[in-house]
C-alpha atoms as a PDB file:
ATOM      1  CA  MET A   1      -0.049  -0.118  -0.696  1.00  0.00           C
ATOM      2  CA  SER A   2       1.326   3.554  -0.395  1.00  0.00           C
ATOM      3  CA  THR A   3       0.804   6.510   0.882  1.00  0.00           C
ATOM      4  CA  GLY A   4      -0.107   9.859   0.115  1.00  0.00           C
ATOM      5  CA  THR A   5      -0.517  12.819   2.188  1.00  0.00           C
ATOM      6  CA  SER A   6      -4.245  12.421   3.829  1.00  0.00           C
ATOM      7  CA  TRP A   7      -5.137   9.581   0.505  1.00  0.00           C
ATOM      8  CA  GLN A   8      -3.266   5.331   0.267  1.00  0.00           C
ATOM      9  CA  HIS A   9      -3.801   3.660  -2.798  1.00  0.00           C
ATOM     10  CA  ASP A  10      -3.030  -0.444  -3.222  1.00  0.00           C
ATOM     11  CA  VAL A  11      -2.714  -1.255  -7.344  1.00  0.00           C
ATOM     12  CA  VAL A  12      -4.271  -4.779  -8.332  1.00  0.00           C
ATOM     13  CA  THR A  13      -3.440  -6.409 -11.748  1.00  0.00           C
ATOM     14  CA  GLU A  14      -4.562  -9.005 -13.078  1.00  0.00           C
ATOM     15  CA  GLY A  15      -4.212  -9.462 -16.481  1.00  0.00           C
ATOM     16  CA  GLY A  16      -4.796  -6.693 -18.240  1.00  0.00           C
ATOM     17  CA  SER A  17      -7.419  -5.270 -16.055  1.00  0.00           C
ATOM     18  CA  THR A  18      -5.745  -2.962 -12.522  1.00  0.00           C
ATOM     19  CA  CYS A  19      -8.202  -2.062  -9.922  1.00  0.00           C
ATOM     20  CA  ILE A  20      -7.011   1.119  -8.090  1.00  0.00           C
ATOM     21  CA  LEU A  21      -8.096   1.286  -4.153  1.00  0.00           C
ATOM     22  CA  LEU A  22      -7.976   4.294  -2.848  1.00  0.00           C
ATOM     23  CA  SER A  23      -8.917   5.637   0.991  1.00  0.00           C
ATOM     24  CA  GLY A  24      -8.592   8.503   2.794  1.00  0.00           C
ATOM     25  CA  GLU A  25      -9.484  12.452   1.084  1.00  0.00           C
ATOM     26  CA  LEU A  26      -9.501  13.122  -2.305  1.00  0.00           C
ATOM     27  CA  ASP A  27      -8.519  16.537  -3.074  1.00  0.00           C
ATOM     28  CA  LEU A  28      -6.140  18.816  -4.360  1.00  0.00           C
ATOM     29  CA  GLU A  29      -3.282  17.477  -2.242  1.00  0.00           C
ATOM     30  CA  ALA A  30      -4.346  14.156  -3.689  1.00  0.00           C
ATOM     31  CA  VAL A  31      -4.658  15.402  -8.103  1.00  0.00           C
ATOM     32  CA  GLU A  32      -0.515  15.262  -8.963  1.00  0.00           C
ATOM     33  CA  GLN A  33       0.250  11.682  -7.288  1.00  0.00           C
ATOM     34  CA  LEU A  34      -2.862  10.763  -8.893  1.00  0.00           C
ATOM     35  CA  ARG A  35      -2.963  11.613 -11.665  1.00  0.00           C
ATOM     36  CA  ASP A  36       0.242  10.194 -12.177  1.00  0.00           C
ATOM     37  CA  LEU A  37      -0.472   6.758 -11.068  1.00  0.00           C
ATOM     38  CA  LEU A  38      -3.892   6.852 -13.017  1.00  0.00           C
ATOM     39  CA  ARG A  39      -1.826   7.838 -16.020  1.00  0.00           C
ATOM     40  CA  THR A  40       0.792   4.921 -15.826  1.00  0.00           C
ATOM     41  CA  SER A  41      -1.924   2.382 -15.143  1.00  0.00           C
ATOM     42  CA  THR A  42      -3.909   3.530 -17.559  1.00  0.00           C
ATOM     43  CA  GLN A  43      -0.494   2.971 -20.376  1.00  0.00           C
ATOM     44  CA  ALA A  44      -0.558  -0.461 -18.538  1.00  0.00           C
ATOM     45  CA  SER A  45      -3.566  -2.130 -18.811  1.00  0.00           C
ATOM     46  CA  THR A  46      -6.693  -2.236 -20.889  1.00  0.00           C
ATOM     47  CA  GLU A  47      -8.946  -1.641 -18.214  1.00  0.00           C
ATOM     48  CA  VAL A  48      -8.607   0.182 -15.381  1.00  0.00           C
ATOM     49  CA  LEU A  49     -11.138   0.706 -11.946  1.00  0.00           C
ATOM     50  CA  ALA A  50     -10.971   2.402  -9.274  1.00  0.00           C
ATOM     51  CA  ASP A  51     -13.016   1.451  -6.822  1.00  0.00           C
ATOM     52  CA  LEU A  52     -13.855   4.344  -3.529  1.00  0.00           C
ATOM     53  CA  ALA A  53     -15.124   2.305  -1.039  1.00  0.00           C
ATOM     54  CA  ALA A  54     -12.658   4.018   1.113  1.00  0.00           C
ATOM     55  CA  VAL A  55     -12.183   7.198  -0.034  1.00  0.00           C
ATOM     56  CA  SER A  56     -13.895  10.263   2.943  1.00  0.00           C
ATOM     57  CA  PHE A  57     -14.303  13.113   0.422  1.00  0.00           C
ATOM     58  CA  ILE A  58     -13.491  13.729  -2.957  1.00  0.00           C
ATOM     59  CA  ASP A  59     -13.331  17.033  -4.761  1.00  0.00           C
ATOM     60  CA  SER A  60     -13.639  19.265  -7.568  1.00  0.00           C
ATOM     61  CA  THR A  61     -10.208  18.515  -8.945  1.00  0.00           C
ATOM     62  CA  VAL A  62     -10.488  14.809  -9.036  1.00  0.00           C
ATOM     63  CA  ILE A  63     -13.790  14.546  -9.812  1.00  0.00           C
ATOM     64  CA  GLY A  64     -12.479  16.784 -13.248  1.00  0.00           C
ATOM     65  CA  LEU A  65      -9.680  13.680 -13.155  1.00  0.00           C
ATOM     66  CA  PHE A  66     -11.681  11.305 -13.445  1.00  0.00           C
ATOM     67  CA  ILE A  67     -13.508  13.242 -16.385  1.00  0.00           C
ATOM     68  CA  GLU A  68     -10.335  14.068 -18.279  1.00  0.00           C
ATOM     69  CA  THR A  69      -8.932  10.016 -17.745  1.00  0.00           C
ATOM     70  CA  ARG A  70     -11.968   8.488 -18.799  1.00  0.00           C
ATOM     71  CA  HIS A  71     -12.345  11.150 -21.971  1.00  0.00           C
ATOM     72  CA  ALA A  72      -8.745   9.599 -22.775  1.00  0.00           C
ATOM     73  CA  THR A  73      -8.737   6.460 -22.463  1.00  0.00           C
ATOM     74  CA  ALA A  74     -12.127   6.490 -24.395  1.00  0.00           C
ATOM     75  CA  THR A  75      -9.578   8.172 -27.494  1.00  0.00           C
ATOM     76  CA  SER A  76      -7.336   5.423 -27.318  1.00  0.00           C
ATOM     77  CA  GLY A  77      -9.539   2.222 -27.283  1.00  0.00           C
ATOM     78  CA  ARG A  78      -8.827   1.888 -23.266  1.00  0.00           C
ATOM     79  CA  SER A  79     -11.395   2.010 -20.662  1.00  0.00           C
ATOM     80  CA  PHE A  80     -11.637   3.565 -17.254  1.00  0.00           C
ATOM     81  CA  ALA A  81     -14.113   3.374 -14.375  1.00  0.00           C
ATOM     82  CA  ILE A  82     -14.963   4.201 -10.958  1.00  0.00           C
ATOM     83  CA  GLN A  83     -16.735   1.597  -8.908  1.00  0.00           C
ATOM     84  CA  ASN A  84     -18.305   1.272  -5.352  1.00  0.00           C
ATOM     85  CA  PRO A  85     -18.754   4.138  -4.300  1.00  0.00           C
ATOM     86  CA  SER A  86     -19.039   5.605  -0.715  1.00  0.00           C
ATOM     87  CA  PRO A  87     -21.900   7.178   0.251  1.00  0.00           C
ATOM     88  CA  PRO A  88     -20.716  10.000   0.387  1.00  0.00           C
ATOM     89  CA  VAL A  89     -18.154   9.852  -2.017  1.00  0.00           C
ATOM     90  CA  ARG A  90     -22.159   8.480  -4.394  1.00  0.00           C
ATOM     91  CA  ARG A  91     -24.017  11.767  -2.908  1.00  0.00           C
ATOM     92  CA  VAL A  92     -21.124  13.870  -4.701  1.00  0.00           C
ATOM     93  CA  PHE A  93     -21.562  11.962  -7.604  1.00  0.00           C
ATOM     94  CA  ASP A  94     -25.845  12.081  -7.918  1.00  0.00           C
ATOM     95  CA  VAL A  95     -25.563  15.555  -7.333  1.00  0.00           C
ATOM     96  CA  MET A  96     -23.506  16.703  -9.883  1.00  0.00           C
ATOM     97  CA  GLY A  97     -25.074  14.435 -12.247  1.00  0.00           C
ATOM     98  CA  ILE A  98     -22.095  11.964 -13.287  1.00  0.00           C
ATOM     99  CA  PHE A  99     -22.332   8.091 -12.020  1.00  0.00           C
ATOM    100  CA  GLU A 100     -23.380   7.041 -15.225  1.00  0.00           C
ATOM    101  CA  PHE A 101     -20.490   8.513 -17.179  1.00  0.00           C
ATOM    102  CA  LEU A 102     -18.004   7.371 -14.466  1.00  0.00           C
ATOM    103  CA  ALA A 103     -18.681   4.312 -14.067  1.00  0.00           C
ATOM    104  CA  GLU A 104     -20.133   2.663 -17.178  1.00  0.00           C
ATOM    105  CA  ARG A 105     -17.141  -0.125 -17.765  1.00  0.00           C
ATOM    106  CA  GLY A 106     -17.212  -0.621 -21.720  1.00  0.00           C
END
């Protein structure tokens, strides 16, 4: 498990798929390290899932990064999606109307 200041991650890769297990608070402080992690993962795998079950907080900079990653992978024939958002994170996605867009696999 790797540690950021207020967040952690663990990466599980199987075949062409990677699951990034995120936990803690995902905010502006995390965005650059998270961007590097997502870029590395999406270049190495055809499918990347970000598991958000243990994320207690997410801000607009990270949501923007997820949207950016989703678009970048779609244009390169790869996929990125979120899964298992914690209740407070799911509420943010629902209020913004983007849960289905970010959770759709494929």
